[in-house]
C-alpha atoms as a PDB file:
ATOM      1  CA  UNK A   1       0.000   0.000   0.000  1.00  0.00           C
ATOM      2  CA  UNK A   2       1.427   3.353  -1.006  1.00  0.00           C
ATOM      3  CA  UNK A   3       1.307   6.471   1.172  1.00  0.00           C
ATOM      4  CA  UNK A   4      -1.013   8.124  -1.362  1.00  0.00           C
ATOM      5  CA  UNK A   5      -3.551   5.278  -1.190  1.00  0.00           C
ATOM      6  CA  UNK A   6      -3.343   5.411   2.612  1.00  0.00           C
ATOM      7  CA  UNK A   7      -4.028   9.160   2.444  1.00  0.00           C
ATOM      8  CA  UNK A   8      -7.066   8.534   0.204  1.00  0.00           C
ATOM      9  CA  UNK A   9      -8.312   5.849   2.595  1.00  0.00           C
ATOM     10  CA  UNK A  10      -7.989   8.342   5.455  1.00  0.00           C
ATOM     11  CA  UNK A  11     -10.061  10.887   3.517  1.00  0.00           C
ATOM     12  CA  UNK A  12     -12.735   8.252   2.804  1.00  0.00           C
ATOM     13  CA  UNK A  13     -12.660   7.201   6.466  1.00  0.00           C
ATOM     14  CA  UNK A  14     -13.206  10.782   7.674  1.00  0.00           C
ATOM     15  CA  UNK A  15     -15.979  11.414   5.142  1.00  0.00           C
ATOM     16  CA  UNK A  16     -17.748   8.182   6.065  1.00  0.00           C
ATOM     17  CA  UNK A  17     -17.444   8.403   9.857  1.00  0.00           C
ATOM     18  CA  UNK A  18     -17.128  12.111  10.595  1.00  0.00           C
ATOM     19  CA  UNK A  19     -13.984  11.672  12.690  1.00  0.00           C
ATOM     20  CA  UNK A  20     -10.326  10.766  12.071  1.00  0.00           C
ATOM     21  CA  UNK A  21      -8.908   7.272  12.002  1.00  0.00           C
ATOM     22  CA  UNK A  22      -7.515   6.386  15.428  1.00  0.00           C
ATOM     23  CA  UNK A  23      -4.952   3.672  16.091  1.00  0.00           C
ATOM     24  CA  UNK A  24      -2.311   3.217  18.760  1.00  0.00           C
ATOM     25  CA  UNK A  25       0.770   3.824  16.631  1.00  0.00           C
ATOM     26  CA  UNK A  26       3.166   2.747  19.376  1.00  0.00           C
ATOM     27  CA  UNK A  27       1.691  -0.748  19.254  1.00  0.00           C
ATOM     28  CA  UNK A  28       1.621  -1.041  15.458  1.00  0.00           C
ATOM     29  CA  UNK A  29       4.114  -0.975  12.637  1.00  0.00           C
ATOM     30  CA  UNK A  30       3.553   1.392   9.726  1.00  0.00           C
ATOM     31  CA  UNK A  31       2.441  -1.473   7.491  1.00  0.00           C
ATOM     32  CA  UNK A  32      -0.250  -2.573   9.957  1.00  0.00           C
ATOM     33  CA  UNK A  33      -1.471   1.011  10.402  1.00  0.00           C
ATOM     34  CA  UNK A  34      -1.822   1.414   6.651  1.00  0.00           C
ATOM     35  CA  UNK A  35      -3.549  -1.966   6.306  1.00  0.00           C
ATOM     36  CA  UNK A  36      -5.777  -1.156   9.270  1.00  0.00           C
ATOM     37  CA  UNK A  37      -7.163   2.001   7.741  1.00  0.00           C
ATOM     38  CA  UNK A  38      -8.019   0.207   4.514  1.00  0.00           C
ATOM     39  CA  UNK A  39      -9.668  -2.631   6.426  1.00  0.00           C
ATOM     40  CA  UNK A  40     -11.506  -0.449   8.934  1.00  0.00           C
ATOM     41  CA  UNK A  41     -12.885   1.994   6.346  1.00  0.00           C
ATOM     42  CA  UNK A  42     -15.278  -0.856   5.475  1.00  0.00           C
ATOM     43  CA  UNK A  43     -16.706  -1.004   9.029  1.00  0.00           C
ATOM     44  CA  UNK A  44     -19.923   0.672  10.137  1.00  0.00           C
ATOM     45  CA  UNK A  45     -19.723   3.958  12.047  1.00  0.00           C
ATOM     46  CA  UNK A  46     -20.832   2.214  15.269  1.00  0.00           C
ATOM     47  CA  UNK A  47     -18.085  -0.395  14.957  1.00  0.00           C
ATOM     48  CA  UNK A  48     -15.556   2.372  14.328  1.00  0.00           C
ATOM     49  CA  UNK A  49     -16.697   4.364  17.344  1.00  0.00           C
ATOM     50  CA  UNK A  50     -16.107   1.244  19.446  1.00  0.00           C
ATOM     51  CA  UNK A  51     -12.752   0.545  17.749  1.00  0.00           C
ATOM     52  CA  UNK A  52     -11.660   4.145  18.198  1.00  0.00           C
ATOM     53  CA  UNK A  53     -12.514   4.076  21.897  1.00  0.00           C
ATOM     54  CA  UNK A  54     -10.468   0.895  22.347  1.00  0.00           C
ATOM     55  CA  UNK A  55      -7.515   2.483  20.550  1.00  0.00           C
ATOM     56  CA  UNK A  56      -7.778   5.644  22.691  1.00  0.00           C
ATOM     57  CA  UNK A  57      -7.696   3.414  25.798  1.00  0.00           C
ATOM     58  CA  UNK A  58      -4.448   1.830  24.557  1.00  0.00           C
ATOM     59  CA  UNK A  59      -2.952   5.272  23.874  1.00  0.00           C
ATOM     60  CA  UNK A  60      -3.994   6.553  27.320  1.00  0.00           C
ATOM     61  CA  UNK A  61      -2.590   3.456  29.047  1.00  0.00           C
ATOM     62  CA  UNK A  62       0.805   3.920  27.415  1.00  0.00           C
ATOM     63  CA  UNK A  63       0.853   7.636  28.251  1.00  0.00           C
ATOM     64  CA  UNK A  64      -0.044   6.978  31.898  1.00  0.00           C
ATOM     65  CA  UNK A  65       2.642   4.303  32.172  1.00  0.00           C
ATOM     66  CA  UNK A  66       5.178   6.727  30.680  1.00  0.00           C
ATOM     67  CA  UNK A  67       4.203   9.493  33.115  1.00  0.00           C
ATOM     68  CA  UNK A  68       4.456   7.189  36.116  1.00  0.00           C
ATOM     69  CA  UNK A  69       7.741   5.642  35.028  1.00  0.00           C
ATOM     70  CA  UNK A  70       9.221   9.125  34.482  1.00  0.00           C
ATOM     71  CA  UNK A  71       7.886  10.310  37.857  1.00  0.00           C
ATOM     72  CA  UNK A  72       9.272   7.283  39.689  1.00  0.00           C
ATOM     73  CA  UNK A  73      12.668   7.792  38.066  1.00  0.00           C
ATOM     74  CA  UNK A  74      12.759  11.435  39.123  1.00  0.00           C
ATOM     75  CA  UNK A  75      11.456  11.011  42.669  1.00  0.00           C
ATOM     76  CA  UNK A  76      12.357   7.945  44.707  1.00  0.00           C
ATOM     77  CA  UNK A  77       9.411   6.301  46.378  1.00  0.00           C
ATOM     78  CA  UNK A  78       9.286   7.146  50.074  1.00  0.00           C
ATOM     79  CA  UNK A  79       7.664   4.564  52.306  1.00  0.00           C
ATOM     80  CA  UNK A  80       6.841   5.483  55.895  1.00  0.00           C
ATOM     81  CA  UNK A  81       6.871   2.831  58.543  1.00  0.00           C
ATOM     82  CA  UNK A  82       3.612   2.319  60.393  1.00  0.00           C
ATOM     83  CA  UNK A  83       5.376   0.720  63.377  1.00  0.00           C
END
């Protein structure tokens, strides 16, 4: 799949669904992202709303994990004794 056909698929996707194609890029290679847009453009709007929400959850999970790992690296965890 060429970048231009991926771009056209993205335009069709937006026109059909009214929102942009969403996929967790950090968990996909470029080839699977490009194949995914061509495959998912065939789905109904309802299916794509559900798929988009699942992808946003994956994106949010990775961002939260990154924030916490960066925070823990910057500030050592302090545990107080209850004894």
